[in-house]
Amino acid sequence: MIHLSKILCPTDYSDTSDKAVRYAIEFARKVNAHVRFLHVQPPENIALKTAASYGLNLVSQENEDVIPQNFAGVLMAEKKNGLCADIHILRGEASKVISDHAAAWGADLIIMGSHGRTGLMRLMVGSVAEAVFRSADVPVLLVKQSDSEKAANN
């Protein structure tokens, strides 16, 4: 018997990952699982770190470790309705951080969005979802962006 108690749902707060977030919420409710949302920031900016070591105070333009208000609102509303969930923000190469965190946390399933790019676009931009699918030790459920959503976003 398959028992799912921990679901990891990576999010970059895009429309594609929002669709996966909604799917993960409903899935977690149906199987009574804890869902952890994971946002991965890019690795530290080496130029800023180096400048700081020389006493220069350069300001990063990134909103680091900030959860968008709309996402925080959805999460709080779902938790009030009984969803067992939390959010973690980590830094590094997205696919590696996601796979490593899934193993360290003991996730039973990863639910994430996929843009569904093919051909040259996939080669040019890469695919975090594909890399996670190949490297994770647990099942990965990919929630694809619909064709109408792809056309609207391109």
C-alpha atoms as a PDB file:
ATOM      1  CA  MET A   1       0.000   0.000   0.000  1.00  0.00           C
ATOM      2  CA  ILE A   2       1.301   3.433  -0.951  1.00  0.00           C
ATOM      3  CA  HIS A   3       1.190   5.968   1.865  1.00  0.00           C
ATOM      4  CA  LEU A   4       1.764   9.614   1.058  1.00  0.00           C
ATOM      5  CA  SER A   5       2.344  11.786   4.108  1.00  0.00           C
ATOM      6  CA  LYS A   6       4.810  14.392   2.782  1.00  0.00           C
ATOM      7  CA  ILE A   7       4.416  16.204  -0.534  1.00  0.00           C
ATOM      8  CA  LEU A   8       7.045  18.658  -1.767  1.00  0.00           C
ATOM      9  CA  CYS A   9       5.814  21.346  -4.161  1.00  0.00           C
ATOM     10  CA  PRO A  10       8.524  23.615  -5.592  1.00  0.00           C
ATOM     11  CA  THR A  11       7.280  27.025  -6.698  1.00  0.00           C
ATOM     12  CA  ASP A  12       8.788  29.974  -8.516  1.00  0.00           C
ATOM     13  CA  TYR A  13       5.485  31.856  -8.115  1.00  0.00           C
ATOM     14  CA  SER A  14       4.861  31.706 -11.897  1.00  0.00           C
ATOM     15  CA  ASP A  15       1.490  30.868 -13.457  1.00  0.00           C
ATOM     16  CA  THR A  16       2.777  27.386 -14.255  1.00  0.00           C
ATOM     17  CA  SER A  17       3.871  26.690 -10.700  1.00  0.00           C
ATOM     18  CA  ASP A  18       0.651  28.256  -9.348  1.00  0.00           C
ATOM     19  CA  LYS A  19      -1.251  25.558 -11.207  1.00  0.00           C
ATOM     20  CA  ALA A  20       0.956  22.918  -9.547  1.00  0.00           C
ATOM     21  CA  VAL A  21       0.428  24.597  -6.154  1.00  0.00           C
ATOM     22  CA  ARG A  22      -3.348  24.321  -6.546  1.00  0.00           C
ATOM     23  CA  TYR A  23      -2.958  20.683  -7.602  1.00  0.00           C
ATOM     24  CA  ALA A  24      -0.682  19.934  -4.613  1.00  0.00           C
ATOM     25  CA  ILE A  25      -3.162  21.537  -2.205  1.00  0.00           C
ATOM     26  CA  GLU A  26      -6.049  19.432  -3.488  1.00  0.00           C
ATOM     27  CA  PHE A  27      -3.931  16.285  -3.617  1.00  0.00           C
ATOM     28  CA  ALA A  28      -2.683  16.824  -0.038  1.00  0.00           C
ATOM     29  CA  ARG A  29      -6.247  17.318   1.175  1.00  0.00           C
ATOM     30  CA  LYS A  30      -7.414  14.084  -0.463  1.00  0.00           C
ATOM     31  CA  VAL A  31      -4.621  11.944   1.031  1.00  0.00           C
ATOM     32  CA  ASN A  32      -4.328  13.909   4.306  1.00  0.00           C
ATOM     33  CA  ALA A  33      -0.680  14.774   3.693  1.00  0.00           C
ATOM     34  CA  HIS A  34       1.581  17.621   4.745  1.00  0.00           C
ATOM     35  CA  VAL A  35       2.587  19.786   1.789  1.00  0.00           C
ATOM     36  CA  ARG A  36       5.809  21.767   1.841  1.00  0.00           C
ATOM     37  CA  PHE A  37       6.174  24.549  -0.684  1.00  0.00           C
ATOM     38  CA  LEU A  38       9.772  25.206  -1.671  1.00  0.00           C
ATOM     39  CA  HIS A  39      11.085  28.325  -3.349  1.00  0.00           C
ATOM     40  CA  VAL A  40      14.684  28.210  -4.571  1.00  0.00           C
ATOM     41  CA  GLN A  41      16.610  31.465  -4.893  1.00  0.00           C
ATOM     42  CA  PRO A  42      19.571  31.581  -7.299  1.00  0.00           C
ATOM     43  CA  PRO A  43      23.013  30.955  -5.796  1.00  0.00           C
ATOM     44  CA  GLU A  44      24.598  33.899  -4.006  1.00  0.00           C
ATOM     45  CA  ASN A  45      25.845  36.686  -6.239  1.00  0.00           C
ATOM     46  CA  ILE A  46      29.631  36.224  -6.206  1.00  0.00           C
ATOM     47  CA  ALA A  47      30.262  39.835  -7.268  1.00  0.00           C
ATOM     48  CA  LEU A  48      28.307  41.179  -4.286  1.00  0.00           C
ATOM     49  CA  LYS A  49      29.998  38.755  -1.906  1.00  0.00           C
ATOM     50  CA  THR A  50      33.464  39.670  -3.226  1.00  0.00           C
ATOM     51  CA  ALA A  51      32.725  43.403  -3.034  1.00  0.00           C
ATOM     52  CA  ALA A  52      31.566  43.005   0.570  1.00  0.00           C
ATOM     53  CA  SER A  53      34.826  41.256   1.474  1.00  0.00           C
ATOM     54  CA  TYR A  54      36.676  44.383   0.263  1.00  0.00           C
ATOM     55  CA  GLY A  55      34.443  46.668   2.315  1.00  0.00           C
ATOM     56  CA  LEU A  56      32.295  47.845  -0.589  1.00  0.00           C
ATOM     57  CA  ASN A  57      28.582  47.914   0.165  1.00  0.00           C
ATOM     58  CA  LEU A  58      26.771  47.121  -3.077  1.00  0.00           C
ATOM     59  CA  VAL A  59      23.003  46.735  -2.866  1.00  0.00           C
ATOM     60  CA  SER A  60      21.343  43.686  -4.402  1.00  0.00           C
ATOM     61  CA  GLN A  61      18.243  44.396  -6.473  1.00  0.00           C
ATOM     62  CA  GLU A  62      16.755  41.004  -5.606  1.00  0.00           C
ATOM     63  CA  ASN A  63      13.858  40.629  -3.183  1.00  0.00           C
ATOM     64  CA  GLU A  64      15.481  37.787  -1.319  1.00  0.00           C
ATOM     65  CA  ASP A  65      13.430  35.514   0.894  1.00  0.00           C
ATOM     66  CA  VAL A  66      10.229  37.441   0.184  1.00  0.00           C
ATOM     67  CA  ILE A  67       7.017  35.497  -0.252  1.00  0.00           C
ATOM     68  CA  PRO A  68       4.646  37.299  -2.628  1.00  0.00           C
ATOM     69  CA  GLN A  69       1.565  38.603  -0.858  1.00  0.00           C
ATOM     70  CA  ASN A  70      -0.863  36.671  -3.075  1.00  0.00           C
ATOM     71  CA  PHE A  71       0.944  33.367  -2.368  1.00  0.00           C
ATOM     72  CA  ALA A  72       1.112  34.083   1.374  1.00  0.00           C
ATOM     73  CA  GLY A  73      -2.613  34.889   1.339  1.00  0.00           C
ATOM     74  CA  VAL A  74      -3.506  31.627  -0.388  1.00  0.00           C
ATOM     75  CA  LEU A  75      -1.285  29.637   1.978  1.00  0.00           C
ATOM     76  CA  MET A  76      -2.762  31.258   5.099  1.00  0.00           C
ATOM     77  CA  ALA A  77      -6.334  30.743   3.857  1.00  0.00           C
ATOM     78  CA  GLU A  78      -5.651  27.071   3.107  1.00  0.00           C
ATOM     79  CA  LYS A  79      -4.024  26.550   6.510  1.00  0.00           C
ATOM     80  CA  LYS A  80      -7.067  28.113   8.191  1.00  0.00           C
ATOM     81  CA  ASN A  81      -9.160  25.550   6.296  1.00  0.00           C
ATOM     82  CA  GLY A  82      -7.123  22.711   7.786  1.00  0.00           C
ATOM     83  CA  LEU A  83      -4.312  22.191   5.286  1.00  0.00           C
ATOM     84  CA  CYS A  84      -1.089  21.039   6.918  1.00  0.00           C
ATOM     85  CA  ALA A  85       1.526  23.074   5.031  1.00  0.00           C
ATOM     86  CA  ASP A  86       4.649  25.190   5.311  1.00  0.00           C
ATOM     87  CA  ILE A  87       7.062  27.010   3.034  1.00  0.00           C
ATOM     88  CA  HIS A  88      10.840  26.928   2.860  1.00  0.00           C
ATOM     89  CA  ILE A  89      13.123  29.235   0.910  1.00  0.00           C
ATOM     90  CA  LEU A  90      16.540  27.855  -0.001  1.00  0.00           C
ATOM     91  CA  ARG A  91      19.371  29.009  -2.229  1.00  0.00           C
ATOM     92  CA  GLY A  92      21.257  27.142  -4.956  1.00  0.00           C
ATOM     93  CA  GLU A  93      20.799  25.414  -8.284  1.00  0.00           C
ATOM     94  CA  ALA A  94      17.050  24.745  -8.402  1.00  0.00           C
ATOM     95  CA  SER A  95      16.989  21.124  -9.593  1.00  0.00           C
ATOM     96  CA  LYS A  96      19.714  20.008  -7.175  1.00  0.00           C
ATOM     97  CA  VAL A  97      18.193  21.872  -4.210  1.00  0.00           C
ATOM     98  CA  ILE A  98      14.754  20.396  -4.927  1.00  0.00           C
ATOM     99  CA  SER A  99      16.036  16.812  -5.230  1.00  0.00           C
ATOM    100  CA  ASP A 100      18.313  17.131  -2.198  1.00  0.00           C
ATOM    101  CA  HIS A 101      15.599  18.708  -0.046  1.00  0.00           C
ATOM    102  CA  ALA A 102      13.077  16.043  -1.046  1.00  0.00           C
ATOM    103  CA  ALA A 103      15.513  13.358   0.158  1.00  0.00           C
ATOM    104  CA  ALA A 104      16.535  15.200   3.339  1.00  0.00           C
ATOM    105  CA  TRP A 105      12.936  15.982   4.342  1.00  0.00           C
ATOM    106  CA  GLY A 106      11.698  12.482   3.464  1.00  0.00           C
ATOM    107  CA  ALA A 107       9.178  13.551   0.825  1.00  0.00           C
ATOM    108  CA  ASP A 108       6.981  10.805  -0.603  1.00  0.00           C
ATOM    109  CA  LEU A 109       6.089  12.753  -3.743  1.00  0.00           C
ATOM    110  CA  ILE A 110       7.146  15.896  -5.611  1.00  0.00           C
ATOM    111  CA  ILE A 111       4.443  17.860  -7.429  1.00  0.00           C
ATOM    112  CA  MET A 112       5.754  20.611  -9.697  1.00  0.00           C
ATOM    113  CA  GLY A 113       4.825  22.620 -12.746  1.00  0.00           C
ATOM    114  CA  SER A 114       6.291  22.124 -16.185  1.00  0.00           C
ATOM    115  CA  HIS A 115       6.214  24.626 -19.023  1.00  0.00           C
ATOM    116  CA  GLY A 116       6.174  21.726 -21.477  1.00  0.00           C
ATOM    117  CA  ARG A 117       8.784  23.283 -23.765  1.00  0.00           C
ATOM    118  CA  THR A 118      10.154  21.070 -26.498  1.00  0.00           C
ATOM    119  CA  GLY A 119      12.883  21.161 -29.094  1.00  0.00           C
ATOM    120  CA  LEU A 120      15.097  24.215 -29.353  1.00  0.00           C
ATOM    121  CA  MET A 121      13.341  26.137 -26.552  1.00  0.00           C
ATOM    122  CA  ARG A 122      13.997  23.278 -24.122  1.00  0.00           C
ATOM    123  CA  LEU A 123      17.654  23.127 -25.146  1.00  0.00           C
ATOM    124  CA  MET A 124      18.058  26.893 -24.759  1.00  0.00           C
ATOM    125  CA  VAL A 125      16.378  27.366 -21.386  1.00  0.00           C
ATOM    126  CA  GLY A 126      16.823  23.925 -19.865  1.00  0.00           C
ATOM    127  CA  SER A 127      14.228  22.232 -17.768  1.00  0.00           C
ATOM    128  CA  VAL A 128      14.288  22.221 -13.990  1.00  0.00           C
ATOM    129  CA  ALA A 129      11.320  19.842 -14.000  1.00  0.00           C
ATOM    130  CA  GLU A 130      13.129  17.367 -16.236  1.00  0.00           C
ATOM    131  CA  ALA A 131      16.290  17.517 -14.125  1.00  0.00           C
ATOM    132  CA  VAL A 132      14.289  16.905 -10.941  1.00  0.00           C
ATOM    133  CA  PHE A 133      12.389  14.071 -12.617  1.00  0.00           C
ATOM    134  CA  ARG A 134      15.690  12.404 -13.533  1.00  0.00           C
ATOM    135  CA  SER A 135      17.509  12.963 -10.233  1.00  0.00           C
ATOM    136  CA  ALA A 136      14.856  12.631  -7.512  1.00  0.00           C
ATOM    137  CA  ASP A 137      14.594   9.402  -5.543  1.00  0.00           C
ATOM    138  CA  VAL A 138      10.817   9.780  -5.177  1.00  0.00           C
ATOM    139  CA  PRO A 139       8.013   9.963  -7.743  1.00  0.00           C
ATOM    140  CA  VAL A 140       7.583  13.311  -9.495  1.00  0.00           C
ATOM    141  CA  LEU A 141       4.171  14.424 -10.707  1.00  0.00           C
ATOM    142  CA  LEU A 142       4.476  17.106 -13.399  1.00  0.00           C
ATOM    143  CA  VAL A 143       1.543  19.472 -13.830  1.00  0.00           C
ATOM    144  CA  LYS A 144       1.742  20.737 -17.383  1.00  0.00           C
ATOM    145  CA  GLN A 145       0.730  24.152 -18.580  1.00  0.00           C
ATOM    146  CA  SER A 146      -2.230  23.847 -20.974  1.00  0.00           C
ATOM    147  CA  ASP A 147      -1.800  24.766 -24.646  1.00  0.00           C
ATOM    148  CA  SER A 148      -4.058  27.825 -24.260  1.00  0.00           C
ATOM    149  CA  GLU A 149      -1.931  29.053 -21.315  1.00  0.00           C
ATOM    150  CA  LYS A 150       1.257  28.487 -23.335  1.00  0.00           C
ATOM    151  CA  ALA A 151      -0.078  30.568 -26.220  1.00  0.00           C
ATOM    152  CA  ALA A 152      -1.098  33.402 -23.886  1.00  0.00           C
ATOM    153  CA  ASN A 153       2.322  33.465 -22.206  1.00  0.00           C
ATOM    154  CA  ASN A 154       4.397  33.361 -25.414  1.00  0.00           C
END
